[in-house]
C-alpha atoms as a PDB file:
ATOM      1  CA  MET A   1     157.338  65.996 161.381  1.00  0.00           C
ATOM      2  CA  ALA A   2     156.639  65.085 158.334  1.00  0.00           C
ATOM      3  CA  ASP A   3     158.823  66.380 155.960  1.00  0.00           C
ATOM      4  CA  GLU A   4     161.757  65.204 158.383  1.00  0.00           C
ATOM      5  CA  ILE A   5     164.902  63.982 156.173  1.00  0.00           C
ATOM      6  CA  ILE A   6     164.807  60.457 157.814  1.00  0.00           C
ATOM      7  CA  LEU A   7     167.979  59.047 154.930  1.00  0.00           C
ATOM      8  CA  SER A   8     170.638  60.828 152.776  1.00  0.00           C
ATOM      9  CA  LEU A   9     171.946  58.823 149.901  1.00  0.00           C
ATOM     10  CA  VAL A  10     175.772  59.858 148.926  1.00  0.00           C
ATOM     11  CA  ILE A  11     177.030  58.444 145.943  1.00  0.00           C
ATOM     12  CA  VAL A  12     180.028  59.598 144.279  1.00  0.00           C
ATOM     13  CA  ASN A  13     180.952  59.610 140.541  1.00  0.00           C
ATOM     14  CA  TRP A  14     184.030  59.618 138.436  1.00  0.00           C
ATOM     15  CA  ASN A  15     183.677  59.112 134.485  1.00  0.00           C
ATOM     16  CA  SER A  16     181.397  56.232 135.510  1.00  0.00           C
ATOM     17  CA  VAL A  17     177.654  58.208 134.255  1.00  0.00           C
ATOM     18  CA  LYS A  18     176.368  54.989 132.908  1.00  0.00           C
ATOM     19  CA  GLU A  19     176.350  52.808 135.925  1.00  0.00           C
ATOM     20  CA  THR A  20     175.700  56.593 138.248  1.00  0.00           C
ATOM     21  CA  PHE A  21     172.520  56.280 136.018  1.00  0.00           C
ATOM     22  CA  GLY A  22     171.620  52.850 137.071  1.00  0.00           C
ATOM     23  CA  CYS A  23     172.027  53.496 140.444  1.00  0.00           C
ATOM     24  CA  LEU A  24     169.790  56.724 140.078  1.00  0.00           C
ATOM     25  CA  ASN A  25     167.465  54.918 138.550  1.00  0.00           C
ATOM     26  CA  SER A  26     166.788  52.215 140.917  1.00  0.00           C
ATOM     27  CA  ILE A  27     166.618  54.685 143.621  1.00  0.00           C
ATOM     28  CA  PHE A  28     164.077  56.407 142.742  1.00  0.00           C
ATOM     29  CA  GLU A  29     161.958  53.094 140.756  1.00  0.00           C
ATOM     30  CA  ILE A  30     161.955  51.564 144.175  1.00  0.00           C
ATOM     31  CA  THR A  31     158.673  51.438 146.560  1.00  0.00           C
ATOM     32  CA  ASP A  32     161.513  52.642 149.453  1.00  0.00           C
ATOM     33  CA  PHE A  33     161.990  55.436 147.902  1.00  0.00           C
ATOM     34  CA  LYS A  34     158.122  56.222 146.249  1.00  0.00           C
ATOM     35  CA  ASN A  35     156.584  55.967 149.581  1.00  0.00           C
ATOM     36  CA  GLN A  36     159.180  58.487 151.500  1.00  0.00           C
ATOM     37  CA  SER A  37     160.249  60.248 148.665  1.00  0.00           C
ATOM     38  CA  LYS A  38     159.856  63.735 151.052  1.00  0.00           C
ATOM     39  CA  ASN A  39     161.786  62.195 153.756  1.00  0.00           C
ATOM     40  CA  LEU A  40     165.329  60.900 151.749  1.00  0.00           C
ATOM     41  CA  GLU A  41     167.516  63.128 150.101  1.00  0.00           C
ATOM     42  CA  VAL A  42     169.958  62.065 147.226  1.00  0.00           C
ATOM     43  CA  ILE A  43     173.648  63.830 146.902  1.00  0.00           C
ATOM     44  CA  VAL A  44     176.008  62.920 144.145  1.00  0.00           C
ATOM     45  CA  ILE A  45     179.641  64.093 144.401  1.00  0.00           C
ATOM     46  CA  ASP A  46     181.076  64.295 140.618  1.00  0.00           C
ATOM     47  CA  ASN A  47     185.462  63.530 140.929  1.00  0.00           C
ATOM     48  CA  ASN A  48     186.206  66.539 138.457  1.00  0.00           C
ATOM     49  CA  SER A  49     184.559  64.082 135.086  1.00  0.00           C
ATOM     50  CA  GLY A  50     185.654  64.283 131.817  1.00  0.00           C
ATOM     51  CA  ASP A  51     182.561  62.346 130.618  1.00  0.00           C
ATOM     52  CA  GLY A  52     180.067  65.059 130.933  1.00  0.00           C
ATOM     53  CA  SER A  53     178.762  63.461 134.242  1.00  0.00           C
ATOM     54  CA  VAL A  54     177.828  66.690 135.640  1.00  0.00           C
ATOM     55  CA  ARG A  55     175.393  68.035 133.035  1.00  0.00           C
ATOM     56  CA  LYS A  56     173.631  64.494 132.508  1.00  0.00           C
ATOM     57  CA  ILE A  57     172.858  63.827 136.053  1.00  0.00           C
ATOM     58  CA  ARG A  58     171.669  67.661 136.298  1.00  0.00           C
ATOM     59  CA  ASP A  59     169.525  67.215 133.448  1.00  0.00           C
ATOM     60  CA  LYS A  60     167.485  63.659 133.902  1.00  0.00           C
ATOM     61  CA  PHE A  61     167.714  63.554 137.784  1.00  0.00           C
ATOM     62  CA  PRO A  62     167.068  67.753 138.427  1.00  0.00           C
ATOM     63  CA  ALA A  63     166.154  65.983 142.492  1.00  0.00           C
ATOM     64  CA  VAL A  64     169.576  65.103 143.159  1.00  0.00           C
ATOM     65  CA  LYS A  65     172.061  67.578 144.817  1.00  0.00           C
ATOM     66  CA  VAL A  66     175.196  67.191 142.600  1.00  0.00           C
ATOM     67  CA  ILE A  67     178.143  68.550 144.244  1.00  0.00           C
ATOM     68  CA  GLU A  68     181.167  69.305 141.586  1.00  0.00           C
ATOM     69  CA  ASN A  69     184.509  68.935 142.248  1.00  0.00           C
ATOM     70  CA  GLU A  70     186.983  70.452 140.616  1.00  0.00           C
ATOM     71  CA  ILE A  71     189.991  67.815 140.522  1.00  0.00           C
ATOM     72  CA  ASN A  72     189.557  64.528 141.481  1.00  0.00           C
ATOM     73  CA  GLU A  73     189.502  64.384 145.319  1.00  0.00           C
ATOM     74  CA  GLY A  74     189.228  60.489 145.806  1.00  0.00           C
ATOM     75  CA  TYR A  75     186.555  58.953 147.384  1.00  0.00           C
ATOM     76  CA  ALA A  76     187.354  59.582 150.605  1.00  0.00           C
ATOM     77  CA  SER A  77     187.105  63.254 150.266  1.00  0.00           C
ATOM     78  CA  ALA A  78     184.261  63.627 148.001  1.00  0.00           C
ATOM     79  CA  CYS A  79     182.329  61.374 150.502  1.00  0.00           C
ATOM     80  CA  ASN A  80     183.243  64.064 153.362  1.00  0.00           C
ATOM     81  CA  LYS A  81     181.578  66.500 151.347  1.00  0.00           C
ATOM     82  CA  GLY A  82     178.373  64.636 150.797  1.00  0.00           C
ATOM     83  CA  MET A  83     178.182  63.045 154.211  1.00  0.00           C
ATOM     84  CA  ARG A  84     178.706  67.199 155.658  1.00  0.00           C
ATOM     85  CA  GLU A  85     175.549  68.350 153.640  1.00  0.00           C
ATOM     86  CA  ALA A  86     173.581  65.260 154.214  1.00  0.00           C
ATOM     87  CA  LYS A  87     170.064  66.112 156.669  1.00  0.00           C
ATOM     88  CA  GLY A  88     169.370  62.968 157.132  1.00  0.00           C
ATOM     89  CA  LYS A  89     169.338  61.033 160.487  1.00  0.00           C
ATOM     90  CA  TYR A  90     170.849  58.328 158.355  1.00  0.00           C
ATOM     91  CA  VAL A  91     173.310  58.145 156.162  1.00  0.00           C
ATOM     92  CA  LEU A  92     173.894  55.683 152.707  1.00  0.00           C
ATOM     93  CA  LEU A  93     176.957  55.291 151.355  1.00  0.00           C
ATOM     94  CA  LEU A  94     176.323  53.808 148.259  1.00  0.00           C
ATOM     95  CA  GLY A  95     178.399  52.761 145.367  1.00  0.00           C
ATOM     96  CA  ASN A  96     177.472  54.323 141.931  1.00  0.00           C
ATOM     97  CA  ASP A  97     177.621  51.192 140.639  1.00  0.00           C
ATOM     98  CA  THR A  98     174.933  49.874 142.504  1.00  0.00           C
ATOM     99  CA  LYS A  99     171.104  49.246 141.913  1.00  0.00           C
ATOM    100  CA  LEU A 100     168.744  49.048 145.154  1.00  0.00           C
ATOM    101  CA  LYS A 101     166.193  46.500 145.314  1.00  0.00           C
ATOM    102  CA  ASP A 102     162.887  46.375 146.829  1.00  0.00           C
ATOM    103  CA  ASN A 103     163.233  47.281 150.850  1.00  0.00           C
ATOM    104  CA  SER A 104     166.583  47.377 150.687  1.00  0.00           C
ATOM    105  CA  LEU A 105     166.676  51.188 152.258  1.00  0.00           C
ATOM    106  CA  SER A 106     163.102  50.474 154.598  1.00  0.00           C
ATOM    107  CA  GLU A 107     164.195  47.310 155.888  1.00  0.00           C
ATOM    108  CA  VAL A 108     168.050  48.694 157.132  1.00  0.00           C
ATOM    109  CA  ILE A 109     166.204  51.667 158.529  1.00  0.00           C
ATOM    110  CA  ALA A 110     164.470  49.225 160.352  1.00  0.00           C
ATOM    111  CA  PHE A 111     166.805  47.500 162.298  1.00  0.00           C
ATOM    112  CA  LEU A 112     168.638  50.740 163.287  1.00  0.00           C
ATOM    113  CA  GLU A 113     165.291  52.383 164.774  1.00  0.00           C
ATOM    114  CA  THR A 114     165.430  49.198 167.020  1.00  0.00           C
ATOM    115  CA  ASN A 115     168.574  48.328 167.918  1.00  0.00           C
ATOM    116  CA  LYS A 116     169.813  51.403 169.067  1.00  0.00           C
ATOM    117  CA  THR A 117     173.957  49.899 170.083  1.00  0.00           C
ATOM    118  CA  CYS A 118     174.426  49.571 166.341  1.00  0.00           C
ATOM    119  CA  GLY A 119     175.932  52.354 164.879  1.00  0.00           C
ATOM    120  CA  ALA A 120     176.287  51.423 160.601  1.00  0.00           C
ATOM    121  CA  ALA A 121     174.308  48.212 159.102  1.00  0.00           C
ATOM    122  CA  GLY A 122     175.296  46.575 155.548  1.00  0.00           C
ATOM    123  CA  CYS A 123     172.868  44.347 153.392  1.00  0.00           C
ATOM    124  CA  ARG A 124     173.613  41.370 150.995  1.00  0.00           C
ATOM    125  CA  LEU A 125     175.110  42.225 147.910  1.00  0.00           C
ATOM    126  CA  VAL A 126     174.612  39.956 144.426  1.00  0.00           C
ATOM    127  CA  TYR A 127     175.617  40.267 141.178  1.00  0.00           C
ATOM    128  CA  PRO A 128     173.128  40.784 138.113  1.00  0.00           C
ATOM    129  CA  ASP A 129     172.770  37.343 137.784  1.00  0.00           C
ATOM    130  CA  GLY A 130     171.878  36.486 141.837  1.00  0.00           C
ATOM    131  CA  ARG A 131     174.986  35.393 142.800  1.00  0.00           C
ATOM    132  CA  LEU A 132     176.405  36.206 146.045  1.00  0.00           C
ATOM    133  CA  GLN A 133     179.404  38.907 146.898  1.00  0.00           C
ATOM    134  CA  GLY A 134     181.067  38.806 150.101  1.00  0.00           C
ATOM    135  CA  ASN A 135     180.600  42.138 151.601  1.00  0.00           C
ATOM    136  CA  CYS A 136     181.963  41.363 155.488  1.00  0.00           C
ATOM    137  CA  LYS A 137     185.428  40.852 156.790  1.00  0.00           C
ATOM    138  CA  LYS A 138     187.678  41.156 160.358  1.00  0.00           C
ATOM    139  CA  PHE A 139     190.046  43.656 161.012  1.00  0.00           C
ATOM    140  CA  PRO A 140     193.011  42.767 159.191  1.00  0.00           C
ATOM    141  CA  GLY A 141     195.728  41.906 160.871  1.00  0.00           C
ATOM    142  CA  LEU A 142     199.766  42.311 159.232  1.00  0.00           C
ATOM    143  CA  SER A 143     200.022  39.000 158.312  1.00  0.00           C
ATOM    144  CA  ASN A 144     196.274  39.401 156.690  1.00  0.00           C
ATOM    145  CA  ALA A 145     197.686  41.835 154.416  1.00  0.00           C
ATOM    146  CA  PHE A 146     201.029  40.074 153.273  1.00  0.00           C
ATOM    147  CA  PHE A 147     198.588  36.906 152.139  1.00  0.00           C
ATOM    148  CA  THR A 148     196.180  39.156 150.257  1.00  0.00           C
ATOM    149  CA  TYR A 149     198.750  40.863 148.013  1.00  0.00           C
ATOM    150  CA  LEU A 150     200.596  37.705 147.655  1.00  0.00           C
ATOM    151  CA  SER A 151     197.493  35.890 146.492  1.00  0.00           C
ATOM    152  CA  LEU A 152     197.534  33.714 149.279  1.00  0.00           C
ATOM    153  CA  ASN A 153     193.960  34.109 149.581  1.00  0.00           C
ATOM    154  CA  ARG A 154     193.426  30.413 150.953  1.00  0.00           C
ATOM    155  CA  PHE A 155     195.646  31.498 154.422  1.00  0.00           C
ATOM    156  CA  ASN A 156     192.930  34.197 155.024  1.00  0.00           C
ATOM    157  CA  ARG A 157     190.085  32.078 154.905  1.00  0.00           C
ATOM    158  CA  ASP A 158     189.318  33.663 158.719  1.00  0.00           C
ATOM    159  CA  TYR A 159     190.125  37.035 157.646  1.00  0.00           C
ATOM    160  CA  ASP A 160     187.615  36.860 154.393  1.00  0.00           C
ATOM    161  CA  MET A 161     184.920  35.211 156.600  1.00  0.00           C
ATOM    162  CA  GLN A 162     184.978  32.349 153.870  1.00  0.00           C
ATOM    163  CA  TRP A 163     182.864  30.296 156.732  1.00  0.00           C
ATOM    164  CA  PHE A 164     179.649  32.571 156.439  1.00  0.00           C
ATOM    165  CA  LYS A 165     177.452  31.979 153.679  1.00  0.00           C
ATOM    166  CA  TYR A 166     175.584  35.263 154.187  1.00  0.00           C
ATOM    167  CA  ASP A 167     172.133  33.253 155.487  1.00  0.00           C
ATOM    168  CA  LYS A 168     171.657  34.928 158.851  1.00  0.00           C
ATOM    169  CA  THR A 169     171.666  38.637 160.676  1.00  0.00           C
ATOM    170  CA  ILE A 170     175.180  39.075 162.389  1.00  0.00           C
ATOM    171  CA  GLU A 171     177.369  41.458 163.879  1.00  0.00           C
ATOM    172  CA  VAL A 172     180.963  41.861 161.882  1.00  0.00           C
ATOM    173  CA  ASP A 173     183.869  44.094 161.735  1.00  0.00           C
ATOM    174  CA  GLN A 174     183.484  45.577 158.814  1.00  0.00           C
ATOM    175  CA  VAL A 175     181.016  46.344 155.509  1.00  0.00           C
ATOM    176  CA  ALA A 176     181.878  47.220 152.420  1.00  0.00           C
ATOM    177  CA  THR A 177     181.120  51.129 151.810  1.00  0.00           C
ATOM    178  CA  THR A 178     179.239  49.786 148.356  1.00  0.00           C
ATOM    179  CA  PHE A 179     175.694  49.979 150.922  1.00  0.00           C
ATOM    180  CA  LEU A 180     176.414  50.783 154.375  1.00  0.00           C
ATOM    181  CA  MET A 181     174.468  52.685 156.586  1.00  0.00           C
ATOM    182  CA  VAL A 182     175.471  54.991 159.407  1.00  0.00           C
ATOM    183  CA  ARG A 183     173.463  56.974 161.999  1.00  0.00           C
ATOM    184  CA  ASN A 184     174.446  60.540 161.117  1.00  0.00           C
ATOM    185  CA  GLU A 185     175.353  61.882 164.613  1.00  0.00           C
ATOM    186  CA  ILE A 186     178.181  59.041 164.342  1.00  0.00           C
ATOM    187  CA  LEU A 187     179.675  60.005 161.683  1.00  0.00           C
ATOM    188  CA  LYS A 188     179.662  63.861 163.144  1.00  0.00           C
ATOM    189  CA  GLY A 189     181.652  62.352 166.093  1.00  0.00           C
ATOM    190  CA  ILE A 190     184.482  60.340 164.213  1.00  0.00           C
ATOM    191  CA  ASN A 191     184.587  63.047 162.068  1.00  0.00           C
ATOM    192  CA  TYR A 192     183.684  61.142 158.769  1.00  0.00           C
ATOM    193  CA  PHE A 193     186.274  59.476 156.700  1.00  0.00           C
ATOM    194  CA  ASP A 194     190.015  59.930 157.575  1.00  0.00           C
ATOM    195  CA  GLU A 195     190.783  61.776 154.125  1.00  0.00           C
ATOM    196  CA  GLN A 196     194.420  60.172 154.405  1.00  0.00           C
ATOM    197  CA  TYR A 197     192.372  57.221 152.290  1.00  0.00           C
ATOM    198  CA  ARG A 198     192.437  58.437 148.765  1.00  0.00           C
ATOM    199  CA  ILE A 199     191.037  55.558 147.339  1.00  0.00           C
ATOM    200  CA  LEU A 200     191.478  52.754 149.440  1.00  0.00           C
ATOM    201  CA  TYR A 201     191.344  51.111 153.029  1.00  0.00           C
ATOM    202  CA  ASN A 202     188.656  54.494 154.101  1.00  0.00           C
ATOM    203  CA  ASP A 203     186.104  51.593 154.704  1.00  0.00           C
ATOM    204  CA  VAL A 204     188.199  49.378 156.943  1.00  0.00           C
ATOM    205  CA  ASP A 205     189.021  52.220 159.004  1.00  0.00           C
ATOM    206  CA  LEU A 206     186.167  53.850 159.364  1.00  0.00           C
ATOM    207  CA  CYS A 207     184.413  51.214 160.730  1.00  0.00           C
ATOM    208  CA  ARG A 208     187.215  50.515 163.093  1.00  0.00           C
ATOM    209  CA  LYS A 209     186.731  53.995 164.332  1.00  0.00           C
ATOM    210  CA  ILE A 210     182.653  53.433 164.916  1.00  0.00           C
ATOM    211  CA  TRP A 211     183.673  50.265 166.493  1.00  0.00           C
ATOM    212  CA  GLN A 212     186.332  52.297 168.521  1.00  0.00           C
ATOM    213  CA  ALA A 213     183.205  55.016 169.449  1.00  0.00           C
ATOM    214  CA  GLY A 214     181.627  52.070 171.287  1.00  0.00           C
ATOM    215  CA  TYR A 215     179.171  50.537 168.119  1.00  0.00           C
ATOM    216  CA  LYS A 216     178.319  48.083 166.434  1.00  0.00           C
ATOM    217  CA  ILE A 217     178.074  47.137 162.986  1.00  0.00           C
ATOM    218  CA  PHE A 218     176.038  44.771 161.500  1.00  0.00           C
ATOM    219  CA  PHE A 219     175.244  42.765 158.362  1.00  0.00           C
ATOM    220  CA  LEU A 220     171.466  42.195 157.312  1.00  0.00           C
ATOM    221  CA  HIS A 221     170.489  38.958 155.072  1.00  0.00           C
ATOM    222  CA  THR A 222     166.985  40.488 154.943  1.00  0.00           C
ATOM    223  CA  ALA A 223     167.726  43.216 152.461  1.00  0.00           C
ATOM    224  CA  GLU A 224     169.764  43.206 149.060  1.00  0.00           C
ATOM    225  CA  THR A 225     170.963  45.220 146.596  1.00  0.00           C
ATOM    226  CA  VAL A 226     172.820  43.829 143.112  1.00  0.00           C
ATOM    227  CA  HIS A 227     176.119  45.384 142.762  1.00  0.00           C
ATOM    228  CA  LEU A 228     177.831  45.378 139.393  1.00  0.00           C
ATOM    229  CA  GLY A 229     181.579  45.709 139.921  1.00  0.00           C
ATOM    230  CA  SER A 230     184.314  48.346 140.370  1.00  0.00           C
ATOM    231  CA  HIS A 231     184.133  49.942 137.264  1.00  0.00           C
ATOM    232  CA  SER A 232     185.947  53.244 138.153  1.00  0.00           C
ATOM    233  CA  THR A 233     189.236  51.348 139.487  1.00  0.00           C
ATOM    234  CA  LYS A 234     189.490  49.570 136.844  1.00  0.00           C
ATOM    235  CA  LYS A 235     189.770  52.596 134.740  1.00  0.00           C
ATOM    236  CA  ALA A 236     192.889  53.783 137.011  1.00  0.00           C
ATOM    237  CA  GLY A 237     195.865  54.488 135.873  1.00  0.00           C
ATOM    238  CA  PHE A 238     199.398  54.459 137.384  1.00  0.00           C
ATOM    239  CA  LYS A 239     198.968  57.372 138.974  1.00  0.00           C
ATOM    240  CA  VAL A 240     195.625  56.202 140.637  1.00  0.00           C
ATOM    241  CA  ARG A 241     196.656  53.026 141.509  1.00  0.00           C
ATOM    242  CA  LYS A 242     199.608  54.419 143.210  1.00  0.00           C
ATOM    243  CA  ILE A 243     197.415  56.424 145.201  1.00  0.00           C
ATOM    244  CA  MET A 244     195.399  52.967 145.975  1.00  0.00           C
ATOM    245  CA  TYR A 245     198.517  51.182 147.203  1.00  0.00           C
ATOM    246  CA  GLY A 246     199.896  54.049 149.231  1.00  0.00           C
ATOM    247  CA  ASP A 247     196.516  53.993 151.135  1.00  0.00           C
ATOM    248  CA  ILE A 248     197.310  50.170 151.904  1.00  0.00           C
ATOM    249  CA  PHE A 249     200.738  51.030 153.394  1.00  0.00           C
ATOM    250  CA  ARG A 250     199.230  53.747 155.141  1.00  0.00           C
ATOM    251  CA  TYR A 251     196.566  51.996 157.157  1.00  0.00           C
ATOM    252  CA  TYR A 252     199.003  48.930 158.055  1.00  0.00           C
ATOM    253  CA  ARG A 253     201.395  51.727 159.401  1.00  0.00           C
ATOM    254  CA  ASN A 254     199.410  53.585 161.007  1.00  0.00           C
ATOM    255  CA  ASN A 255     197.910  50.143 162.529  1.00  0.00           C
ATOM    256  CA  PHE A 256     201.355  48.064 163.339  1.00  0.00           C
ATOM    257  CA  GLY A 257     203.598  50.862 163.162  1.00  0.00           C
ATOM    258  CA  ILE A 258     207.436  50.015 162.117  1.00  0.00           C
ATOM    259  CA  LYS A 259     206.614  46.569 161.182  1.00  0.00           C
ATOM    260  CA  ALA A 260     203.867  47.537 158.357  1.00  0.00           C
ATOM    261  CA  TYR A 261     208.095  48.582 156.640  1.00  0.00           C
ATOM    262  CA  LEU A 262     208.614  44.557 155.611  1.00  0.00           C
ATOM    263  CA  LEU A 263     205.291  44.984 153.095  1.00  0.00           C
ATOM    264  CA  LEU A 264     206.619  48.037 151.026  1.00  0.00           C
ATOM    265  CA  PRO A 265     208.742  45.327 148.747  1.00  0.00           C
ATOM    266  CA  VAL A 266     205.047  42.978 148.540  1.00  0.00           C
ATOM    267  CA  LEU A 267     202.821  46.188 147.650  1.00  0.00           C
ATOM    268  CA  ALA A 268     205.646  47.287 145.443  1.00  0.00           C
ATOM    269  CA  PHE A 269     205.940  43.709 143.438  1.00  0.00           C
ATOM    270  CA  ARG A 270     201.880  43.751 142.983  1.00  0.00           C
ATOM    271  CA  LEU A 271     201.799  47.672 141.950  1.00  0.00           C
ATOM    272  CA  LEU A 272     204.118  47.311 139.124  1.00  0.00           C
ATOM    273  CA  PHE A 273     202.924  43.843 138.468  1.00  0.00           C
ATOM    274  CA  VAL A 274     199.064  45.153 138.236  1.00  0.00           C
ATOM    275  CA  SER A 275     199.712  48.398 136.101  1.00  0.00           C
ATOM    276  CA  ILE A 276     202.036  45.877 133.857  1.00  0.00           C
ATOM    277  CA  ILE A 277     199.055  43.460 132.604  1.00  0.00           C
ATOM    278  CA  LYS A 278     196.213  46.040 133.368  1.00  0.00           C
ATOM    279  CA  ALA A 279     198.080  48.208 130.905  1.00  0.00           C
END
């Protein structure tokens, strides 16, 4: 059908209307959207922002479907609301602090159309000045958590895929949900994000569930998106950061059992230290 929805773009907003405006402007301006506007839908879920986001988005972008949460439900729950509303064959989980570039959508859709064993795919992320961002990793082991939260990243070279130059299309374990396009039928089959993970590690868990369902995940070097950086989490206070670190522990406990409790002192110290320096 000519008006069939091919792609649903799902974006979560929390007190970041400026960044969300930039993201939405980029969507409506790229040739991908102009050429297939009848086949694309944009869904924004607002997590009870206090900056007038909902009214401003509705006024400026009447074509966008806005879902308004009465409380801040966290990223995973908000995304799930958007994904359950999505009518597209594919669903793009997109950070609100991104700006799409021409062909970023069409390239990934074309790849998924021709590679049926691929369940999800991401693209190159770059800073506004063109510098490359790393958005692919292997699935983490417990040792990787210790190295990460003790700031010993030099020992995480393999986990962080520091050897990868992002100059070719390859199969990977996980791609950040800053830009991750997934087959809608797979999302329905794996029941979307696990809402235990309210802010962090939901993307890692989602990619693991896609992989466990028998599908591959790919990084595409032929598509590119600008990523400004995580503005919402930078604004997070102690209560939100506590939830974030709870998500971290939950992932390792769910996957490594009782051994994960060895990580608790490290996470507690890290939470306290980060909260002090961000205060």
